[in-house]
């Protein structure tokens, strides 16, 4: 199908934007809201709860696995500052949810 091929060609040829730890209000507060000023769902909370419901291990378990398997060292963007923030929310870094930890990782050129 030419439409699908064009979409894939476009996706593969466009550079990815830089990712940061900030989410827009539309994703955090107004997902599926019927009108602009009405309350909606919070996609971040949904992702976290879905992983917990399915027994997905915390971020550090995946980080350890990937570092061993692929001989890489995953780091957070703004490492010291990010760890301090995570400690205020989770108290124990062993409990950081996979979605949150993954979103806070520093990107790599080949990742």
PDB file of N, CA and C in Angstrom:
ATOM      1  N   UNK A   1       0.841  -1.191   0.000  1.00  0.00           N
ATOM      2  CA  UNK A   1       0.000   0.000   0.000  1.00  0.00           C
ATOM      3  C   UNK A   1       0.885   1.252   0.000  1.00  0.00           C
ATOM      4  N   UNK A   2       0.685   2.106  -0.984  1.00  0.00           N
ATOM      5  CA  UNK A   2       1.529   3.308  -1.139  1.00  0.00           C
ATOM      6  C   UNK A   2       1.379   4.260   0.039  1.00  0.00           C
ATOM      7  N   UNK A   3       0.188   4.342   0.633  1.00  0.00           N
ATOM      8  CA  UNK A   3      -0.023   5.230   1.767  1.00  0.00           C
ATOM      9  C   UNK A   3       0.819   4.825   2.957  1.00  0.00           C
ATOM     10  N   UNK A   4       0.826   3.543   3.264  1.00  0.00           N
ATOM     11  CA  UNK A   4       1.611   3.036   4.383  1.00  0.00           C
ATOM     12  C   UNK A   4       3.101   3.248   4.132  1.00  0.00           C
ATOM     13  N   UNK A   5       3.555   2.957   2.924  1.00  0.00           N
ATOM     14  CA  UNK A   5       4.969   3.153   2.575  1.00  0.00           C
ATOM     15  C   UNK A   5       5.376   4.608   2.737  1.00  0.00           C
ATOM     16  N   UNK A   6       4.524   5.520   2.316  1.00  0.00           N
ATOM     17  CA  UNK A   6       4.831   6.945   2.454  1.00  0.00           C
ATOM     18  C   UNK A   6       4.904   7.360   3.920  1.00  0.00           C
ATOM     19  N   UNK A   7       3.995   6.828   4.714  1.00  0.00           N
ATOM     20  CA  UNK A   7       4.003   7.144   6.150  1.00  0.00           C
ATOM     21  C   UNK A   7       5.294   6.632   6.780  1.00  0.00           C
ATOM     22  N   UNK A   8       5.651   5.391   6.490  1.00  0.00           N
ATOM     23  CA  UNK A   8       6.877   4.816   7.066  1.00  0.00           C
ATOM     24  C   UNK A   8       8.116   5.575   6.596  1.00  0.00           C
ATOM     25  N   UNK A   9       8.166   5.939   5.321  1.00  0.00           N
ATOM     26  CA  UNK A   9       9.305   6.708   4.805  1.00  0.00           C
ATOM     27  C   UNK A   9       9.411   8.046   5.544  1.00  0.00           C
ATOM     28  N   UNK A  10       8.291   8.674   5.770  1.00  0.00           N
ATOM     29  CA  UNK A  10       8.288   9.945   6.493  1.00  0.00           C
ATOM     30  C   UNK A  10       8.750   9.783   7.928  1.00  0.00           C
ATOM     31  N   UNK A  11       8.248   8.751   8.607  1.00  0.00           N
ATOM     32  CA  UNK A  11       8.650   8.510   9.994  1.00  0.00           C
ATOM     33  C   UNK A  11      10.139   8.233  10.121  1.00  0.00           C
ATOM     34  N   UNK A  12      10.686   7.520   9.166  1.00  0.00           N
ATOM     35  CA  UNK A  12      12.090   7.147   9.226  1.00  0.00           C
ATOM     36  C   UNK A  12      13.044   8.252   8.790  1.00  0.00           C
ATOM     37  N   UNK A  13      12.532   9.244   8.097  1.00  0.00           N
ATOM     38  CA  UNK A  13      13.413  10.292   7.590  1.00  0.00           C
ATOM     39  C   UNK A  13      13.381  11.577   8.421  1.00  0.00           C
ATOM     40  N   UNK A  14      12.478  11.670   9.371  1.00  0.00           N
ATOM     41  CA  UNK A  14      12.352  12.876  10.191  1.00  0.00           C
ATOM     42  C   UNK A  14      13.091  12.663  11.511  1.00  0.00           C
ATOM     43  N   UNK A  15      13.916  13.616  11.879  1.00  0.00           N
ATOM     44  CA  UNK A  15      14.654  13.532  13.141  1.00  0.00           C
ATOM     45  C   UNK A  15      13.688  13.605  14.322  1.00  0.00           C
ATOM     46  N   UNK A  16      13.992  12.865  15.370  1.00  0.00           N
ATOM     47  CA  UNK A  16      13.168  12.839  16.571  1.00  0.00           C
ATOM     48  C   UNK A  16      13.458  14.085  17.400  1.00  0.00           C
ATOM     49  N   UNK A  17      12.421  14.680  17.950  1.00  0.00           N
ATOM     50  CA  UNK A  17      12.600  15.835  18.827  1.00  0.00           C
ATOM     51  C   UNK A  17      13.220  15.411  20.147  1.00  0.00           C
ATOM     52  N   UNK A  18      13.876  16.329  20.794  1.00  0.00           N
ATOM     53  CA  UNK A  18      14.443  16.080  22.118  1.00  0.00           C
ATOM     54  C   UNK A  18      13.303  15.807  23.092  1.00  0.00           C
ATOM     55  N   UNK A  19      13.488  14.823  23.964  1.00  0.00           N
ATOM     56  CA  UNK A  19      12.480  14.458  24.961  1.00  0.00           C
ATOM     57  C   UNK A  19      12.893  15.063  26.285  1.00  0.00           C
ATOM     58  N   UNK A  20      11.928  15.524  27.042  1.00  0.00           N
ATOM     59  CA  UNK A  20      12.225  15.993  28.393  1.00  0.00           C
ATOM     60  C   UNK A  20      11.216  15.391  29.361  1.00  0.00           C
ATOM     61  N   UNK A  21      11.362  15.713  30.631  1.00  0.00           N
ATOM     62  CA  UNK A  21      10.513  15.116  31.652  1.00  0.00           C
ATOM     63  C   UNK A  21       9.184  15.836  31.851  1.00  0.00           C
ATOM     64  N   UNK A  22       8.903  16.825  31.051  1.00  0.00           N
ATOM     65  CA  UNK A  22       7.676  17.593  31.190  1.00  0.00           C
ATOM     66  C   UNK A  22       6.593  17.079  30.251  1.00  0.00           C
ATOM     67  N   UNK A  23       5.389  16.983  30.769  1.00  0.00           N
ATOM     68  CA  UNK A  23       4.239  16.554  29.980  1.00  0.00           C
ATOM     69  C   UNK A  23       3.244  17.697  29.911  1.00  0.00           C
ATOM     70  N   UNK A  24       2.626  17.866  28.779  1.00  0.00           N
ATOM     71  CA  UNK A  24       1.666  18.957  28.622  1.00  0.00           C
ATOM     72  C   UNK A  24       0.423  18.697  29.461  1.00  0.00           C
ATOM     73  N   UNK A  25      -0.278  19.770  29.774  1.00  0.00           N
ATOM     74  CA  UNK A  25      -1.529  19.657  30.533  1.00  0.00           C
ATOM     75  C   UNK A  25      -2.547  18.801  29.797  1.00  0.00           C
ATOM     76  N   UNK A  26      -2.516  18.844  28.475  1.00  0.00           N
ATOM     77  CA  UNK A  26      -3.466  18.056  27.700  1.00  0.00           C
ATOM     78  C   UNK A  26      -3.318  16.569  27.989  1.00  0.00           C
ATOM     79  N   UNK A  27      -2.105  16.104  28.241  1.00  0.00           N
ATOM     80  CA  UNK A  27      -1.869  14.696  28.551  1.00  0.00           C
ATOM     81  C   UNK A  27      -2.093  14.421  30.032  1.00  0.00           C
ATOM     82  N   UNK A  28      -1.749  15.365  30.878  1.00  0.00           N
ATOM     83  CA  UNK A  28      -1.858  15.174  32.324  1.00  0.00           C
ATOM     84  C   UNK A  28      -3.251  15.417  32.876  1.00  0.00           C
ATOM     85  N   UNK A  29      -4.020  16.291  32.252  1.00  0.00           N
ATOM     86  CA  UNK A  29      -5.278  16.696  32.881  1.00  0.00           C
ATOM     87  C   UNK A  29      -6.508  16.649  31.977  1.00  0.00           C
ATOM     88  N   UNK A  30      -6.308  16.643  30.673  1.00  0.00           N
ATOM     89  CA  UNK A  30      -7.475  16.796  29.801  1.00  0.00           C
ATOM     90  C   UNK A  30      -7.618  15.706  28.737  1.00  0.00           C
ATOM     91  N   UNK A  31      -6.987  14.557  28.950  1.00  0.00           N
ATOM     92  CA  UNK A  31      -7.103  13.485  27.977  1.00  0.00           C
ATOM     93  C   UNK A  31      -8.564  13.047  27.867  1.00  0.00           C
ATOM     94  N   UNK A  32      -9.089  13.063  26.681  1.00  0.00           N
ATOM     95  CA  UNK A  32     -10.478  12.695  26.364  1.00  0.00           C
ATOM     96  C   UNK A  32     -11.520  13.631  26.970  1.00  0.00           C
ATOM     97  N   UNK A  33     -11.119  14.823  27.412  1.00  0.00           N
ATOM     98  CA  UNK A  33     -12.101  15.791  27.912  1.00  0.00           C
ATOM     99  C   UNK A  33     -12.966  16.238  26.744  1.00  0.00           C
ATOM    100  N   UNK A  34     -14.247  16.373  26.985  1.00  0.00           N
ATOM    101  CA  UNK A  34     -15.174  16.738  25.910  1.00  0.00           C
ATOM    102  C   UNK A  34     -15.024  18.192  25.482  1.00  0.00           C
ATOM    103  N   UNK A  35     -14.645  19.041  26.424  1.00  0.00           N
ATOM    104  CA  UNK A  35     -14.447  20.459  26.107  1.00  0.00           C
ATOM    105  C   UNK A  35     -13.128  20.916  26.715  1.00  0.00           C
ATOM    106  N   UNK A  36     -12.621  22.005  26.221  1.00  0.00           N
ATOM    107  CA  UNK A  36     -11.290  22.486  26.619  1.00  0.00           C
ATOM    108  C   UNK A  36     -11.150  22.710  28.121  1.00  0.00           C
ATOM    109  N   UNK A  37     -12.198  23.168  28.793  1.00  0.00           N
ATOM    110  CA  UNK A  37     -12.070  23.510  30.211  1.00  0.00           C
ATOM    111  C   UNK A  37     -12.660  22.447  31.137  1.00  0.00           C
ATOM    112  N   UNK A  38     -12.977  21.286  30.608  1.00  0.00           N
ATOM    113  CA  UNK A  38     -13.511  20.208  31.423  1.00  0.00           C
ATOM    114  C   UNK A  38     -12.397  19.251  31.846  1.00  0.00           C
ATOM    115  N   UNK A  39     -12.631  18.572  32.944  1.00  0.00           N
ATOM    116  CA  UNK A  39     -11.644  17.604  33.434  1.00  0.00           C
ATOM    117  C   UNK A  39     -11.597  16.393  32.507  1.00  0.00           C
ATOM    118  N   UNK A  40     -10.410  15.861  32.380  1.00  0.00           N
ATOM    119  CA  UNK A  40     -10.223  14.657  31.593  1.00  0.00           C
ATOM    120  C   UNK A  40      -9.386  13.675  32.376  1.00  0.00           C
ATOM    121  N   UNK A  41      -8.820  12.727  31.683  1.00  0.00           N
ATOM    122  CA  UNK A  41      -7.984  11.719  32.319  1.00  0.00           C
ATOM    123  C   UNK A  41      -6.520  12.146  32.306  1.00  0.00           C
ATOM    124  N   UNK A  42      -5.731  11.469  33.103  1.00  0.00           N
ATOM    125  CA  UNK A  42      -4.301  11.731  33.219  1.00  0.00           C
ATOM    126  C   UNK A  42      -3.556  10.524  32.647  1.00  0.00           C
ATOM    127  N   UNK A  43      -3.007  10.653  31.450  1.00  0.00           N
ATOM    128  CA  UNK A  43      -2.349   9.542  30.777  1.00  0.00           C
ATOM    129  C   UNK A  43      -1.141   9.025  31.551  1.00  0.00           C
ATOM    130  N   UNK A  44      -0.428   9.897  32.227  1.00  0.00           N
ATOM    131  CA  UNK A  44       0.746   9.480  32.991  1.00  0.00           C
ATOM    132  C   UNK A  44       0.314   8.543  34.119  1.00  0.00           C
ATOM    133  N   UNK A  45      -0.713   8.933  34.851  1.00  0.00           N
ATOM    134  CA  UNK A  45      -1.227   8.095  35.936  1.00  0.00           C
ATOM    135  C   UNK A  45      -1.770   6.772  35.410  1.00  0.00           C
ATOM    136  N   UNK A  46      -2.438   6.827  34.277  1.00  0.00           N
ATOM    137  CA  UNK A  46      -2.969   5.602  33.670  1.00  0.00           C
ATOM    138  C   UNK A  46      -1.827   4.652  33.323  1.00  0.00           C
ATOM    139  N   UNK A  47      -0.758   5.160  32.719  1.00  0.00           N
ATOM    140  CA  UNK A  47       0.385   4.317  32.355  1.00  0.00           C
ATOM    141  C   UNK A  47       1.037   3.690  33.580  1.00  0.00           C
ATOM    142  N   UNK A  48       1.192   4.469  34.632  1.00  0.00           N
ATOM    143  CA  UNK A  48       1.795   3.962  35.865  1.00  0.00           C
ATOM    144  C   UNK A  48       0.904   2.880  36.476  1.00  0.00           C
ATOM    145  N   UNK A  49      -0.383   3.163  36.591  1.00  0.00           N
ATOM    146  CA  UNK A  49      -1.298   2.204  37.205  1.00  0.00           C
ATOM    147  C   UNK A  49      -1.430   0.934  36.381  1.00  0.00           C
ATOM    148  N   UNK A  50      -1.454   1.070  35.066  1.00  0.00           N
ATOM    149  CA  UNK A  50      -1.545  -0.107  34.183  1.00  0.00           C
ATOM    150  C   UNK A  50      -0.346  -1.035  34.407  1.00  0.00           C
ATOM    151  N   UNK A  51       0.843  -0.469  34.504  1.00  0.00           N
ATOM    152  CA  UNK A  51       2.035  -1.285  34.732  1.00  0.00           C
ATOM    153  C   UNK A  51       1.963  -1.977  36.093  1.00  0.00           C
ATOM    154  N   UNK A  52       1.510  -1.267  37.101  1.00  0.00           N
ATOM    155  CA  UNK A  52       1.375  -1.869  38.431  1.00  0.00           C
ATOM    156  C   UNK A  52       0.338  -2.992  38.414  1.00  0.00           C
ATOM    157  N   UNK A  53      -0.778  -2.756  37.743  1.00  0.00           N
ATOM    158  CA  UNK A  53      -1.830  -3.780  37.656  1.00  0.00           C
ATOM    159  C   UNK A  53      -1.330  -5.060  36.997  1.00  0.00           C
ATOM    160  N   UNK A  54      -0.420  -4.923  36.040  1.00  0.00           N
ATOM    161  CA  UNK A  54       0.093  -6.079  35.311  1.00  0.00           C
ATOM    162  C   UNK A  54       1.390  -6.633  35.905  1.00  0.00           C
ATOM    163  N   UNK A  55       1.809  -6.083  37.036  1.00  0.00           N
ATOM    164  CA  UNK A  55       2.985  -6.607  37.714  1.00  0.00           C
ATOM    165  C   UNK A  55       4.301  -6.307  37.016  1.00  0.00           C
ATOM    166  N   UNK A  56       4.335  -5.196  36.264  1.00  0.00           N
ATOM    167  CA  UNK A  56       5.576  -4.809  35.586  1.00  0.00           C
ATOM    168  C   UNK A  56       6.588  -4.381  36.657  1.00  0.00           C
ATOM    169  N   UNK A  57       7.779  -4.962  36.656  1.00  0.00           N
ATOM    170  CA  UNK A  57       8.787  -4.593  37.662  1.00  0.00           C
ATOM    171  C   UNK A  57       9.182  -3.116  37.566  1.00  0.00           C
ATOM    172  N   UNK A  58       9.738  -2.592  38.643  1.00  0.00           N
ATOM    173  CA  UNK A  58      10.163  -1.181  38.642  1.00  0.00           C
ATOM    174  C   UNK A  58      11.304  -0.915  37.658  1.00  0.00           C
ATOM    175  N   UNK A  59      11.543   0.343  37.430  1.00  0.00           N
ATOM    176  CA  UNK A  59      12.549   0.812  36.480  1.00  0.00           C
ATOM    177  C   UNK A  59      13.926   0.192  36.721  1.00  0.00           C
ATOM    178  N   UNK A  60      14.391   0.169  37.970  1.00  0.00           N
ATOM    179  CA  UNK A  60      15.755  -0.305  38.245  1.00  0.00           C
ATOM    180  C   UNK A  60      15.966  -1.756  37.841  1.00  0.00           C
ATOM    181  N   UNK A  61      14.931  -2.574  37.890  1.00  0.00           N
ATOM    182  CA  UNK A  61      15.051  -3.976  37.447  1.00  0.00           C
ATOM    183  C   UNK A  61      15.355  -4.022  35.947  1.00  0.00           C
ATOM    184  N   UNK A  62      14.637  -3.216  35.159  1.00  0.00           N
ATOM    185  CA  UNK A  62      14.877  -3.164  33.714  1.00  0.00           C
ATOM    186  C   UNK A  62      16.230  -2.537  33.398  1.00  0.00           C
ATOM    187  N   UNK A  63      16.582  -1.511  34.154  1.00  0.00           N
ATOM    188  CA  UNK A  63      17.871  -0.845  33.946  1.00  0.00           C
ATOM    189  C   UNK A  63      19.009  -1.840  34.162  1.00  0.00           C
ATOM    190  N   UNK A  64      18.963  -2.589  35.242  1.00  0.00           N
ATOM    191  CA  UNK A  64      20.002  -3.587  35.530  1.00  0.00           C
ATOM    192  C   UNK A  64      20.070  -4.642  34.417  1.00  0.00           C
ATOM    193  N   UNK A  65      18.915  -5.125  33.985  1.00  0.00           N
ATOM    194  CA  UNK A  65      18.869  -6.132  32.928  1.00  0.00           C
ATOM    195  C   UNK A  65      19.502  -5.610  31.638  1.00  0.00           C
ATOM    196  N   UNK A  66      19.103  -4.418  31.232  1.00  0.00           N
ATOM    197  CA  UNK A  66      19.606  -3.846  29.973  1.00  0.00           C
ATOM    198  C   UNK A  66      21.097  -3.532  30.051  1.00  0.00           C
ATOM    199  N   UNK A  67      21.539  -3.046  31.194  1.00  0.00           N
ATOM    200  CA  UNK A  67      22.960  -2.735  31.336  1.00  0.00           C
ATOM    201  C   UNK A  67      23.813  -3.998  31.229  1.00  0.00           C
ATOM    202  N   UNK A  68      23.332  -5.104  31.775  1.00  0.00           N
ATOM    203  CA  UNK A  68      24.074  -6.369  31.671  1.00  0.00           C
ATOM    204  C   UNK A  68      24.002  -6.930  30.261  1.00  0.00           C
ATOM    205  N   UNK A  69      22.818  -6.973  29.702  1.00  0.00           N
ATOM    206  CA  UNK A  69      22.625  -7.598  28.398  1.00  0.00           C
ATOM    207  C   UNK A  69      23.307  -6.824  27.277  1.00  0.00           C
ATOM    208  N   UNK A  70      23.241  -5.496  27.314  1.00  0.00           N
ATOM    209  CA  UNK A  70      23.734  -4.681  26.201  1.00  0.00           C
ATOM    210  C   UNK A  70      25.010  -3.913  26.520  1.00  0.00           C
ATOM    211  N   UNK A  71      25.573  -4.125  27.683  1.00  0.00           N
ATOM    212  CA  UNK A  71      26.807  -3.440  28.095  1.00  0.00           C
ATOM    213  C   UNK A  71      26.704  -1.924  27.923  1.00  0.00           C
ATOM    214  N   UNK A  72      25.619  -1.377  28.419  1.00  0.00           N
ATOM    215  CA  UNK A  72      25.411   0.073  28.374  1.00  0.00           C
ATOM    216  C   UNK A  72      25.233   0.580  29.801  1.00  0.00           C
ATOM    217  N   UNK A  73      25.371   1.867  29.961  1.00  0.00           N
ATOM    218  CA  UNK A  73      25.156   2.493  31.263  1.00  0.00           C
ATOM    219  C   UNK A  73      24.075   3.557  31.102  1.00  0.00           C
ATOM    220  N   UNK A  74      22.885   3.259  31.584  1.00  0.00           N
ATOM    221  CA  UNK A  74      21.778   4.219  31.481  1.00  0.00           C
ATOM    222  C   UNK A  74      21.955   5.309  32.525  1.00  0.00           C
ATOM    223  N   UNK A  75      21.717   6.537  32.109  1.00  0.00           N
ATOM    224  CA  UNK A  75      21.835   7.704  32.997  1.00  0.00           C
ATOM    225  C   UNK A  75      20.577   8.550  32.861  1.00  0.00           C
ATOM    226  N   UNK A  76      20.266   9.271  33.920  1.00  0.00           N
ATOM    227  CA  UNK A  76      19.162  10.230  33.869  1.00  0.00           C
ATOM    228  C   UNK A  76      19.667  11.547  33.310  1.00  0.00           C
ATOM    229  N   UNK A  77      18.777  12.280  32.658  1.00  0.00           N
ATOM    230  CA  UNK A  77      19.088  13.667  32.327  1.00  0.00           C
ATOM    231  C   UNK A  77      19.181  14.411  33.665  1.00  0.00           C
ATOM    232  N   UNK A  78      20.104  15.325  33.779  1.00  0.00           N
ATOM    233  CA  UNK A  78      20.285  16.079  35.032  1.00  0.00           C
ATOM    234  C   UNK A  78      20.308  15.118  36.230  1.00  0.00           C
ATOM    235  N   UNK A  79      21.208  14.170  36.175  1.00  0.00           N
ATOM    236  CA  UNK A  79      21.269  13.020  37.098  1.00  0.00           C
ATOM    237  C   UNK A  79      21.050  13.373  38.571  1.00  0.00           C
ATOM    238  N   UNK A  80      21.845  14.263  39.129  1.00  0.00           N
ATOM    239  CA  UNK A  80      21.745  14.569  40.559  1.00  0.00           C
ATOM    240  C   UNK A  80      20.393  15.180  40.913  1.00  0.00           C
ATOM    241  N   UNK A  81      19.969  16.134  40.119  1.00  0.00           N
ATOM    242  CA  UNK A  81      18.693  16.810  40.354  1.00  0.00           C
ATOM    243  C   UNK A  81      17.522  15.835  40.207  1.00  0.00           C
ATOM    244  N   UNK A  82      17.581  14.987  39.200  1.00  0.00           N
ATOM    245  CA  UNK A  82      16.512  14.020  38.957  1.00  0.00           C
ATOM    246  C   UNK A  82      16.417  13.025  40.101  1.00  0.00           C
ATOM    247  N   UNK A  83      17.540  12.531  40.588  1.00  0.00           N
ATOM    248  CA  UNK A  83      17.527  11.578  41.696  1.00  0.00           C
ATOM    249  C   UNK A  83      16.939  12.213  42.949  1.00  0.00           C
ATOM    250  N   UNK A  84      17.287  13.460  43.218  1.00  0.00           N
ATOM    251  CA  UNK A  84      16.702  14.149  44.380  1.00  0.00           C
ATOM    252  C   UNK A  84      15.184  14.259  44.252  1.00  0.00           C
ATOM    253  N   UNK A  85      14.708  14.608  43.070  1.00  0.00           N
ATOM    254  CA  UNK A  85      13.256  14.707  42.853  1.00  0.00           C
ATOM    255  C   UNK A  85      12.587  13.350  43.016  1.00  0.00           C
ATOM    256  N   UNK A  86      13.191  12.307  42.451  1.00  0.00           N
ATOM    257  CA  UNK A  86      12.610  10.965  42.564  1.00  0.00           C
ATOM    258  C   UNK A  86      12.543  10.512  44.023  1.00  0.00           C
ATOM    259  N   UNK A  87      13.552  10.852  44.812  1.00  0.00           N
ATOM    260  CA  UNK A  87      13.555  10.470  46.225  1.00  0.00           C
ATOM    261  C   UNK A  87      12.440  11.169  47.001  1.00  0.00           C
ATOM    262  N   UNK A  88      12.076  12.384  46.592  1.00  0.00           N
ATOM    263  CA  UNK A  88      10.987  13.070  47.287  1.00  0.00           C
ATOM    264  C   UNK A  88       9.636  12.436  46.969  1.00  0.00           C
ATOM    265  N   UNK A  89       9.519  11.839  45.799  1.00  0.00           N
ATOM    266  CA  UNK A  89       8.249  11.217  45.408  1.00  0.00           C
ATOM    267  C   UNK A  89       8.187   9.760  45.862  1.00  0.00           C
ATOM    268  N   UNK A  90       9.254   9.007  45.637  1.00  0.00           N
ATOM    269  CA  UNK A  90       9.238   7.563  45.879  1.00  0.00           C
ATOM    270  C   UNK A  90       9.897   7.144  47.198  1.00  0.00           C
ATOM    271  N   UNK A  91      10.671   7.997  47.829  1.00  0.00           N
ATOM    272  CA  UNK A  91      11.450   7.674  49.024  1.00  0.00           C
ATOM    273  C   UNK A  91      12.539   6.634  48.739  1.00  0.00           C
ATOM    274  N   UNK A  92      12.217   5.602  47.978  1.00  0.00           N
ATOM    275  CA  UNK A  92      13.136   4.509  47.683  1.00  0.00           C
ATOM    276  C   UNK A  92      13.273   4.385  46.164  1.00  0.00           C
ATOM    277  N   UNK A  93      14.478   4.587  45.643  1.00  0.00           N
ATOM    278  CA  UNK A  93      14.676   4.532  44.192  1.00  0.00           C
ATOM    279  C   UNK A  93      14.377   3.158  43.602  1.00  0.00           C
ATOM    280  N   UNK A  94      14.378   2.129  44.432  1.00  0.00           N
ATOM    281  CA  UNK A  94      14.035   0.778  43.968  1.00  0.00           C
ATOM    282  C   UNK A  94      12.569   0.685  43.533  1.00  0.00           C
ATOM    283  N   UNK A  95      11.759   1.663  43.906  1.00  0.00           N
ATOM    284  CA  UNK A  95      10.323   1.621  43.609  1.00  0.00           C
ATOM    285  C   UNK A  95       9.904   2.520  42.452  1.00  0.00           C
ATOM    286  N   UNK A  96      10.844   3.173  41.801  1.00  0.00           N
ATOM    287  CA  UNK A  96      10.508   4.078  40.690  1.00  0.00           C
ATOM    288  C   UNK A  96       9.846   3.269  39.571  1.00  0.00           C
ATOM    289  N   UNK A  97       8.690   3.735  39.140  1.00  0.00           N
ATOM    290  CA  UNK A  97       7.948   3.047  38.083  1.00  0.00           C
ATOM    291  C   UNK A  97       8.713   3.079  36.766  1.00  0.00           C
ATOM    292  N   UNK A  98       8.562   2.013  35.983  1.00  0.00           N
ATOM    293  CA  UNK A  98       9.265   1.885  34.711  1.00  0.00           C
ATOM    294  C   UNK A  98       8.992   3.071  33.787  1.00  0.00           C
ATOM    295  N   UNK A  99       7.749   3.463  33.645  1.00  0.00           N
ATOM    296  CA  UNK A  99       7.403   4.557  32.736  1.00  0.00           C
ATOM    297  C   UNK A  99       8.127   5.835  33.134  1.00  0.00           C
ATOM    298  N   UNK A 100       8.123   6.139  34.414  1.00  0.00           N
ATOM    299  CA  UNK A 100       8.766   7.369  34.899  1.00  0.00           C
ATOM    300  C   UNK A 100      10.274   7.304  34.690  1.00  0.00           C
ATOM    301  N   UNK A 101      10.893   6.220  35.121  1.00  0.00           N
ATOM    302  CA  UNK A 101      12.338   6.078  34.960  1.00  0.00           C
ATOM    303  C   UNK A 101      12.763   6.155  33.498  1.00  0.00           C
ATOM    304  N   UNK A 102      12.023   5.477  32.631  1.00  0.00           N
ATOM    305  CA  UNK A 102      12.365   5.485  31.205  1.00  0.00           C
ATOM    306  C   UNK A 102      12.242   6.880  30.610  1.00  0.00           C
ATOM    307  N   UNK A 103      11.243   7.622  31.009  1.00  0.00           N
ATOM    308  CA  UNK A 103      11.056   8.975  30.478  1.00  0.00           C
ATOM    309  C   UNK A 103      12.139   9.932  30.961  1.00  0.00           C
ATOM    310  N   UNK A 104      12.777   9.616  32.072  1.00  0.00           N
ATOM    311  CA  UNK A 104      13.810  10.496  32.632  1.00  0.00           C
ATOM    312  C   UNK A 104      15.212  10.150  32.154  1.00  0.00           C
ATOM    313  N   UNK A 105      15.351   9.034  31.441  1.00  0.00           N
ATOM    314  CA  UNK A 105      16.672   8.640  30.957  1.00  0.00           C
ATOM    315  C   UNK A 105      17.205   9.601  29.917  1.00  0.00           C
ATOM    316  N   UNK A 106      18.518   9.775  29.946  1.00  0.00           N
ATOM    317  CA  UNK A 106      19.205  10.550  28.928  1.00  0.00           C
ATOM    318  C   UNK A 106      19.245   9.702  27.661  1.00  0.00           C
ATOM    319  N   UNK A 107      18.928  10.308  26.541  1.00  0.00           N
ATOM    320  CA  UNK A 107      18.949   9.583  25.275  1.00  0.00           C
ATOM    321  C   UNK A 107      20.363   9.266  24.828  1.00  0.00           C
ATOM    322  N   UNK A 108      20.460   8.302  23.935  1.00  0.00           N
ATOM    323  CA  UNK A 108      21.751   7.955  23.343  1.00  0.00           C
ATOM    324  C   UNK A 108      21.632   8.050  21.836  1.00  0.00           C
ATOM    325  N   UNK A 109      22.735   8.203  21.171  1.00  0.00           N
ATOM    326  CA  UNK A 109      22.716   8.319  19.710  1.00  0.00           C
ATOM    327  C   UNK A 109      22.288   7.024  19.035  1.00  0.00           C
ATOM    328  N   UNK A 110      22.599   5.898  19.666  1.00  0.00           N
ATOM    329  CA  UNK A 110      22.259   4.624  19.040  1.00  0.00           C
ATOM    330  C   UNK A 110      21.132   3.897  19.746  1.00  0.00           C
ATOM    331  N   UNK A 111      20.442   4.580  20.670  1.00  0.00           N
ATOM    332  CA  UNK A 111      19.372   3.952  21.440  1.00  0.00           C
ATOM    333  C   UNK A 111      18.094   4.210  20.836  1.00  0.00           C
TER     334      UNK A 111
END
